[in-house]
Structure formats: C-alpha cells, structure tokens
Amino acid sequence: MPFPAKLFLALGSVSAMLVVVLGAFGAHALRARIPAELMASYQTGILYHLFHALGLLAVGLIAAHLPASGLVRAAGWLMLVGTVLFSGSLYVLAISGVRALGAVTPFGGFAFIAAWLLLAVALFRS
C-alpha cells in the first residue's frame, strides 16, 4: 500500500479514536459542569470531528487507488487542519468559556469545504 494511503488511514483511525475519547469525556465529565449552550458547541465539535475522521479514512482508501494525486493528499491535510481548527476551537471554547476562540472556527470550516472540493476534483480528474 502506498505511503499516503497508510498515512491517512492511520490519521483517520487515530482521529476516530479521539472522537470516542472526547465524546465520552464530554458526556461523563463535562455535561454537569458546563452550561447547555457550551455543551451544544462541544457536541457540534464532536459531530464534525466524527465526519472528518471518516473523511480521512476515505482519503486513505482513495489514496490507495490514486497514490500520485496531490489533490487527494491536500484534501487529507485540509481535513486534518479543519478538525484541529474547527472542532478543536469548539472543544476549547466549551471547556474554557472564552468566546473569542469562536473566531477560529470558521477557518476550520473553510478547510473542510476546501478538502471536500479538492477530493471531488481529484476523483473527477482520475
């Protein structure tokens, strides 16, 4: 299996594991400690994190078939960056209550959008 495929499959697997850990942390440690509005932000982070962990796995599978595609690799990195910026900022916002962190979230959302677009273009070109 080509290295990019292995890399994105491993990143997707670790990301999915983190979703489970962070979801359990939210459900068991945070639910009673933070306001419902912040818990909703945390859960939004979990939801998008889950989708993009699966997206990283898809990138890995596609990279196995298109190992030379720079667009596929770029899509994978953008999904990873988007997860850190989007979900990460929502996690920290929910835990800290620092609302200024919400300014980072749209950059992660843009990374997600760009990742899916690049993946579609890569598949269309293949």
N, C-alpha and C. Protein backbone atom coordinates (compact mmCIF):
# COMPACT_ATOMS: atom_id res chain seq x y z
N MET A 1 0.86 -1.18 0.00
CA MET A 1 0.00 0.00 0.00
C MET A 1 0.90 1.24 0.00
N PRO A 2 0.59 2.22 -0.84
CA PRO A 2 1.40 3.44 -0.91
C PRO A 2 1.39 4.21 0.44
N PHE A 3 2.49 4.90 0.71
CA PHE A 3 2.62 5.61 1.98
C PHE A 3 1.49 6.61 2.24
N PRO A 4 1.08 7.45 1.25
CA PRO A 4 -0.01 8.39 1.56
C PRO A 4 -1.28 7.69 2.03
N ALA A 5 -1.57 6.53 1.45
CA ALA A 5 -2.77 5.79 1.87
C ALA A 5 -2.62 5.33 3.30
N LYS A 6 -1.47 4.75 3.65
CA LYS A 6 -1.23 4.30 5.03
C LYS A 6 -1.31 5.46 6.00
N LEU A 7 -0.71 6.58 5.61
CA LEU A 7 -0.70 7.75 6.49
C LEU A 7 -2.11 8.23 6.80
N PHE A 8 -2.93 8.41 5.77
CA PHE A 8 -4.27 8.95 6.00
C PHE A 8 -5.19 7.92 6.66
N LEU A 9 -4.98 6.65 6.40
CA LEU A 9 -5.74 5.63 7.12
C LEU A 9 -5.37 5.64 8.60
N ALA A 10 -4.08 5.78 8.90
CA ALA A 10 -3.66 5.85 10.31
C ALA A 10 -4.17 7.12 10.97
N LEU A 11 -4.07 8.26 10.28
CA LEU A 11 -4.57 9.51 10.85
C LEU A 11 -6.08 9.45 11.09
N GLY A 12 -6.80 8.85 10.14
CA GLY A 12 -8.25 8.70 10.31
C GLY A 12 -8.59 7.81 11.48
N SER A 13 -7.82 6.74 11.66
CA SER A 13 -8.07 5.82 12.78
C SER A 13 -7.81 6.50 14.12
N VAL A 14 -6.70 7.23 14.20
CA VAL A 14 -6.39 7.95 15.45
C VAL A 14 -7.43 9.04 15.70
N SER A 15 -7.83 9.72 14.66
CA SER A 15 -8.85 10.76 14.80
C SER A 15 -10.17 10.17 15.29
N ALA A 16 -10.55 9.02 14.75
CA ALA A 16 -11.79 8.36 15.18
C ALA A 16 -11.69 7.92 16.64
N MET A 17 -10.52 7.43 17.05
CA MET A 17 -10.31 7.06 18.45
C MET A 17 -10.47 8.29 19.35
N LEU A 18 -9.91 9.43 18.91
CA LEU A 18 -10.04 10.65 19.70
C LEU A 18 -11.49 11.10 19.82
N VAL A 19 -12.28 10.89 18.77
CA VAL A 19 -13.71 11.23 18.84
C VAL A 19 -14.37 10.45 19.98
N VAL A 20 -14.06 9.18 20.08
CA VAL A 20 -14.65 8.35 21.14
C VAL A 20 -14.20 8.86 22.51
N VAL A 21 -12.91 9.12 22.65
CA VAL A 21 -12.38 9.60 23.94
C VAL A 21 -13.00 10.95 24.31
N LEU A 22 -13.00 11.89 23.36
CA LEU A 22 -13.53 13.22 23.65
C LEU A 22 -15.05 13.21 23.82
N GLY A 23 -15.72 12.35 23.08
CA GLY A 23 -17.17 12.21 23.27
C GLY A 23 -17.51 11.68 24.65
N ALA A 24 -16.78 10.68 25.10
CA ALA A 24 -17.00 10.13 26.44
C ALA A 24 -16.66 11.16 27.50
N PHE A 25 -15.58 11.91 27.30
CA PHE A 25 -15.21 12.96 28.24
C PHE A 25 -16.33 13.99 28.35
N GLY A 26 -16.86 14.39 27.21
CA GLY A 26 -17.96 15.36 27.22
C GLY A 26 -19.19 14.84 27.92
N ALA A 27 -19.54 13.59 27.63
CA ALA A 27 -20.75 13.01 28.21
C ALA A 27 -20.63 12.77 29.71
N HIS A 28 -19.44 12.39 30.16
CA HIS A 28 -19.30 12.00 31.56
C HIS A 28 -18.66 13.06 32.46
N ALA A 29 -17.76 13.86 31.92
CA ALA A 29 -17.05 14.82 32.76
C ALA A 29 -17.55 16.25 32.59
N LEU A 30 -18.05 16.58 31.41
CA LEU A 30 -18.43 17.97 31.16
C LEU A 30 -19.91 18.27 31.33
N ARG A 31 -20.75 17.32 31.01
CA ARG A 31 -22.19 17.59 30.94
C ARG A 31 -22.73 18.32 32.16
N ALA A 32 -22.33 17.93 33.33
CA ALA A 32 -22.85 18.55 34.55
C ALA A 32 -22.06 19.81 34.94
N ARG A 33 -20.97 20.09 34.24
CA ARG A 33 -20.09 21.18 34.65
C ARG A 33 -20.15 22.42 33.77
N ILE A 34 -20.68 22.30 32.57
CA ILE A 34 -20.73 23.47 31.69
C ILE A 34 -22.17 23.74 31.27
N PRO A 35 -22.47 25.00 30.95
CA PRO A 35 -23.84 25.34 30.54
C PRO A 35 -24.25 24.60 29.26
N ALA A 36 -25.54 24.43 29.08
CA ALA A 36 -26.08 23.70 27.93
C ALA A 36 -25.62 24.31 26.61
N GLU A 37 -25.52 25.62 26.53
CA GLU A 37 -25.09 26.28 25.29
C GLU A 37 -23.66 25.87 24.93
N LEU A 38 -22.78 25.81 25.91
CA LEU A 38 -21.41 25.40 25.65
C LEU A 38 -21.33 23.90 25.35
N MET A 39 -22.20 23.12 25.99
CA MET A 39 -22.23 21.69 25.71
C MET A 39 -22.67 21.45 24.26
N ALA A 40 -23.59 22.27 23.78
CA ALA A 40 -24.03 22.15 22.39
C ALA A 40 -22.87 22.45 21.44
N SER A 41 -22.04 23.43 21.77
CA SER A 41 -20.85 23.73 20.94
C SER A 41 -19.89 22.55 20.95
N TYR A 42 -19.69 21.96 22.13
CA TYR A 42 -18.81 20.80 22.25
C TYR A 42 -19.33 19.65 21.39
N GLN A 43 -20.62 19.41 21.44
CA GLN A 43 -21.21 18.33 20.66
C GLN A 43 -21.12 18.59 19.16
N THR A 44 -21.21 19.86 18.76
CA THR A 44 -21.01 20.20 17.35
C THR A 44 -19.58 19.86 16.94
N GLY A 45 -18.62 20.16 17.80
CA GLY A 45 -17.23 19.79 17.53
C GLY A 45 -17.07 18.30 17.37
N ILE A 46 -17.74 17.53 18.24
CA ILE A 46 -17.68 16.06 18.16
C ILE A 46 -18.26 15.58 16.83
N LEU A 47 -19.39 16.12 16.45
CA LEU A 47 -20.06 15.68 15.22
C LEU A 47 -19.18 15.92 13.99
N TYR A 48 -18.64 17.12 13.88
CA TYR A 48 -17.79 17.42 12.72
C TYR A 48 -16.48 16.64 12.78
N HIS A 49 -15.96 16.42 13.97
CA HIS A 49 -14.75 15.62 14.14
C HIS A 49 -15.02 14.20 13.62
N LEU A 50 -16.16 13.63 14.00
CA LEU A 50 -16.51 12.28 13.55
C LEU A 50 -16.60 12.20 12.03
N PHE A 51 -17.32 13.14 11.42
CA PHE A 51 -17.46 13.12 9.96
C PHE A 51 -16.09 13.18 9.28
N HIS A 52 -15.20 13.98 9.82
CA HIS A 52 -13.93 14.17 9.14
C HIS A 52 -12.90 13.11 9.52
N ALA A 53 -13.11 12.40 10.62
CA ALA A 53 -12.31 11.19 10.86
C ALA A 53 -12.66 10.15 9.80
N LEU A 54 -13.95 10.02 9.53
CA LEU A 54 -14.38 9.12 8.45
C LEU A 54 -13.88 9.62 7.10
N GLY A 55 -13.87 10.95 6.93
CA GLY A 55 -13.35 11.53 5.69
C GLY A 55 -11.87 11.20 5.50
N LEU A 56 -11.09 11.25 6.57
CA LEU A 56 -9.68 10.88 6.48
C LEU A 56 -9.52 9.42 6.08
N LEU A 57 -10.38 8.56 6.61
CA LEU A 57 -10.33 7.15 6.20
C LEU A 57 -10.66 7.02 4.71
N ALA A 58 -11.64 7.79 4.25
CA ALA A 58 -11.97 7.77 2.82
C ALA A 58 -10.80 8.27 1.98
N VAL A 59 -10.15 9.33 2.45
CA VAL A 59 -8.97 9.84 1.73
C VAL A 59 -7.91 8.75 1.65
N GLY A 60 -7.70 8.03 2.74
CA GLY A 60 -6.73 6.94 2.72
C GLY A 60 -7.07 5.87 1.71
N LEU A 61 -8.33 5.50 1.63
CA LEU A 61 -8.75 4.49 0.66
C LEU A 61 -8.60 5.00 -0.77
N ILE A 62 -8.94 6.26 -0.98
CA ILE A 62 -8.80 6.84 -2.32
C ILE A 62 -7.32 6.97 -2.68
N ALA A 63 -6.50 7.35 -1.70
CA ALA A 63 -5.06 7.48 -1.95
C ALA A 63 -4.43 6.14 -2.31
N ALA A 64 -5.02 5.05 -1.87
CA ALA A 64 -4.52 3.73 -2.26
C ALA A 64 -4.71 3.50 -3.76
N HIS A 65 -5.76 4.10 -4.32
CA HIS A 65 -6.05 3.94 -5.74
C HIS A 65 -5.44 5.06 -6.60
N LEU A 66 -5.20 6.21 -5.96
CA LEU A 66 -4.63 7.36 -6.68
C LEU A 66 -3.41 7.87 -5.91
N PRO A 67 -2.36 7.06 -5.77
CA PRO A 67 -1.24 7.43 -4.90
C PRO A 67 -0.47 8.66 -5.35
N ALA A 68 -0.53 9.01 -6.61
CA ALA A 68 0.22 10.16 -7.12
C ALA A 68 -0.57 11.46 -7.05
N SER A 69 -1.80 11.41 -6.60
CA SER A 69 -2.65 12.60 -6.62
C SER A 69 -2.32 13.57 -5.49
N GLY A 70 -1.79 14.70 -5.87
CA GLY A 70 -1.54 15.76 -4.90
C GLY A 70 -2.82 16.34 -4.35
N LEU A 71 -3.89 16.32 -5.15
CA LEU A 71 -5.17 16.84 -4.69
C LEU A 71 -5.74 15.97 -3.57
N VAL A 72 -5.59 14.66 -3.67
CA VAL A 72 -6.07 13.77 -2.62
C VAL A 72 -5.29 14.02 -1.33
N ARG A 73 -3.97 14.15 -1.44
CA ARG A 73 -3.15 14.42 -0.25
C ARG A 73 -3.52 15.76 0.36
N ALA A 74 -3.70 16.77 -0.49
CA ALA A 74 -4.08 18.10 0.02
C ALA A 74 -5.43 18.03 0.73
N ALA A 75 -6.37 17.26 0.19
CA ALA A 75 -7.68 17.11 0.83
C ALA A 75 -7.52 16.49 2.21
N GLY A 76 -6.67 15.49 2.32
CA GLY A 76 -6.44 14.86 3.62
C GLY A 76 -5.86 15.82 4.63
N TRP A 77 -4.85 16.58 4.22
CA TRP A 77 -4.25 17.55 5.16
C TRP A 77 -5.24 18.63 5.54
N LEU A 78 -6.07 19.07 4.59
CA LEU A 78 -7.08 20.08 4.92
C LEU A 78 -8.12 19.53 5.89
N MET A 79 -8.48 18.25 5.76
CA MET A 79 -9.41 17.66 6.73
C MET A 79 -8.80 17.63 8.12
N LEU A 80 -7.53 17.30 8.19
CA LEU A 80 -6.85 17.26 9.48
C LEU A 80 -6.76 18.66 10.09
N VAL A 81 -6.35 19.63 9.29
CA VAL A 81 -6.26 21.02 9.76
C VAL A 81 -7.65 21.53 10.16
N GLY A 82 -8.64 21.21 9.35
CA GLY A 82 -10.01 21.62 9.67
C GLY A 82 -10.49 21.04 10.99
N THR A 83 -10.14 19.80 11.26
CA THR A 83 -10.53 19.17 12.52
C THR A 83 -9.90 19.90 13.69
N VAL A 84 -8.62 20.22 13.58
CA VAL A 84 -7.93 20.92 14.67
C VAL A 84 -8.54 22.30 14.87
N LEU A 85 -8.73 23.04 13.78
CA LEU A 85 -9.24 24.40 13.90
C LEU A 85 -10.72 24.45 14.27
N PHE A 86 -11.55 23.68 13.58
CA PHE A 86 -12.99 23.74 13.81
C PHE A 86 -13.35 23.04 15.12
N SER A 87 -13.12 21.75 15.18
CA SER A 87 -13.52 21.01 16.37
C SER A 87 -12.67 21.41 17.57
N GLY A 88 -11.37 21.57 17.35
CA GLY A 88 -10.50 21.95 18.46
C GLY A 88 -10.91 23.26 19.09
N SER A 89 -11.24 24.25 18.27
CA SER A 89 -11.65 25.54 18.83
C SER A 89 -12.97 25.42 19.59
N LEU A 90 -13.87 24.57 19.11
CA LEU A 90 -15.13 24.38 19.84
C LEU A 90 -14.91 23.64 21.15
N TYR A 91 -14.00 22.68 21.17
CA TYR A 91 -13.69 21.98 22.42
C TYR A 91 -13.13 22.94 23.45
N VAL A 92 -12.15 23.73 23.03
CA VAL A 92 -11.52 24.67 23.97
C VAL A 92 -12.51 25.75 24.39
N LEU A 93 -13.33 26.24 23.47
CA LEU A 93 -14.36 27.22 23.79
C LEU A 93 -15.31 26.67 24.85
N ALA A 94 -15.77 25.44 24.66
CA ALA A 94 -16.73 24.85 25.60
C ALA A 94 -16.11 24.66 26.98
N ILE A 95 -14.86 24.25 27.03
CA ILE A 95 -14.21 23.97 28.31
C ILE A 95 -13.80 25.27 29.02
N SER A 96 -13.30 26.23 28.25
CA SER A 96 -12.78 27.47 28.85
C SER A 96 -13.83 28.57 28.97
N GLY A 97 -14.81 28.55 28.08
CA GLY A 97 -15.80 29.63 28.05
C GLY A 97 -15.29 30.88 27.35
N VAL A 98 -14.09 30.85 26.80
CA VAL A 98 -13.52 32.01 26.11
C VAL A 98 -14.15 32.09 24.72
N ARG A 99 -15.07 33.01 24.57
CA ARG A 99 -15.84 33.11 23.33
C ARG A 99 -15.02 33.60 22.14
N ALA A 100 -13.91 34.28 22.40
CA ALA A 100 -13.06 34.77 21.31
C ALA A 100 -12.53 33.62 20.46
N LEU A 101 -12.47 32.42 21.03
CA LEU A 101 -12.00 31.26 20.28
C LEU A 101 -12.94 30.91 19.13
N GLY A 102 -14.16 31.36 19.21
CA GLY A 102 -15.12 31.13 18.13
C GLY A 102 -14.69 31.76 16.82
N ALA A 103 -13.76 32.74 16.88
CA ALA A 103 -13.27 33.38 15.67
C ALA A 103 -12.41 32.44 14.84
N VAL A 104 -11.87 31.40 15.44
CA VAL A 104 -11.02 30.43 14.74
C VAL A 104 -11.87 29.41 13.98
N THR A 105 -13.03 29.11 14.49
CA THR A 105 -13.88 28.04 13.97
C THR A 105 -14.16 28.16 12.47
N PRO A 106 -14.49 29.34 11.94
CA PRO A 106 -14.77 29.42 10.50
C PRO A 106 -13.59 29.04 9.61
N PHE A 107 -12.36 29.25 10.09
CA PHE A 107 -11.20 28.84 9.30
C PHE A 107 -11.17 27.32 9.15
N GLY A 108 -11.55 26.63 10.21
CA GLY A 108 -11.65 25.17 10.13
C GLY A 108 -12.75 24.75 9.18
N GLY A 109 -13.88 25.46 9.23
CA GLY A 109 -14.98 25.17 8.31
C GLY A 109 -14.57 25.37 6.86
N PHE A 110 -13.81 26.44 6.60
CA PHE A 110 -13.31 26.67 5.25
C PHE A 110 -12.39 25.53 4.82
N ALA A 111 -11.54 25.06 5.73
CA ALA A 111 -10.64 23.94 5.41
C ALA A 111 -11.44 22.69 5.06
N PHE A 112 -12.53 22.44 5.80
CA PHE A 112 -13.39 21.29 5.49
C PHE A 112 -13.97 21.42 4.08
N ILE A 113 -14.51 22.58 3.78
CA ILE A 113 -15.13 22.80 2.46
C ILE A 113 -14.10 22.60 1.36
N ALA A 114 -12.93 23.19 1.53
CA ALA A 114 -11.87 23.06 0.53
C ALA A 114 -11.44 21.60 0.37
N ALA A 115 -11.37 20.88 1.48
CA ALA A 115 -10.96 19.47 1.43
C ALA A 115 -11.93 18.65 0.59
N TRP A 116 -13.21 18.80 0.85
CA TRP A 116 -14.20 18.02 0.09
C TRP A 116 -14.20 18.42 -1.38
N LEU A 117 -14.01 19.71 -1.66
CA LEU A 117 -13.96 20.16 -3.05
C LEU A 117 -12.74 19.56 -3.76
N LEU A 118 -11.57 19.60 -3.11
CA LEU A 118 -10.37 19.03 -3.73
C LEU A 118 -10.52 17.53 -3.95
N LEU A 119 -11.15 16.86 -3.01
CA LEU A 119 -11.36 15.42 -3.17
C LEU A 119 -12.27 15.14 -4.38
N ALA A 120 -13.31 15.93 -4.52
CA ALA A 120 -14.21 15.76 -5.67
C ALA A 120 -13.47 16.02 -6.99
N VAL A 121 -12.66 17.07 -7.02
CA VAL A 121 -11.90 17.39 -8.23
C VAL A 121 -10.93 16.25 -8.55
N ALA A 122 -10.25 15.74 -7.52
CA ALA A 122 -9.29 14.64 -7.73
C ALA A 122 -10.00 13.42 -8.30
N LEU A 123 -11.16 13.11 -7.78
CA LEU A 123 -11.90 11.94 -8.27
C LEU A 123 -12.40 12.17 -9.69
N PHE A 124 -12.85 13.37 -9.97
CA PHE A 124 -13.34 13.68 -11.31
C PHE A 124 -12.22 13.59 -12.34
N ARG A 125 -11.01 14.02 -11.96
CA ARG A 125 -9.87 14.00 -12.87
C ARG A 125 -9.29 12.60 -13.07
N SER A 126 -9.56 11.68 -12.16
CA SER A 126 -8.89 10.37 -12.22
C SER A 126 -9.40 9.52 -13.38
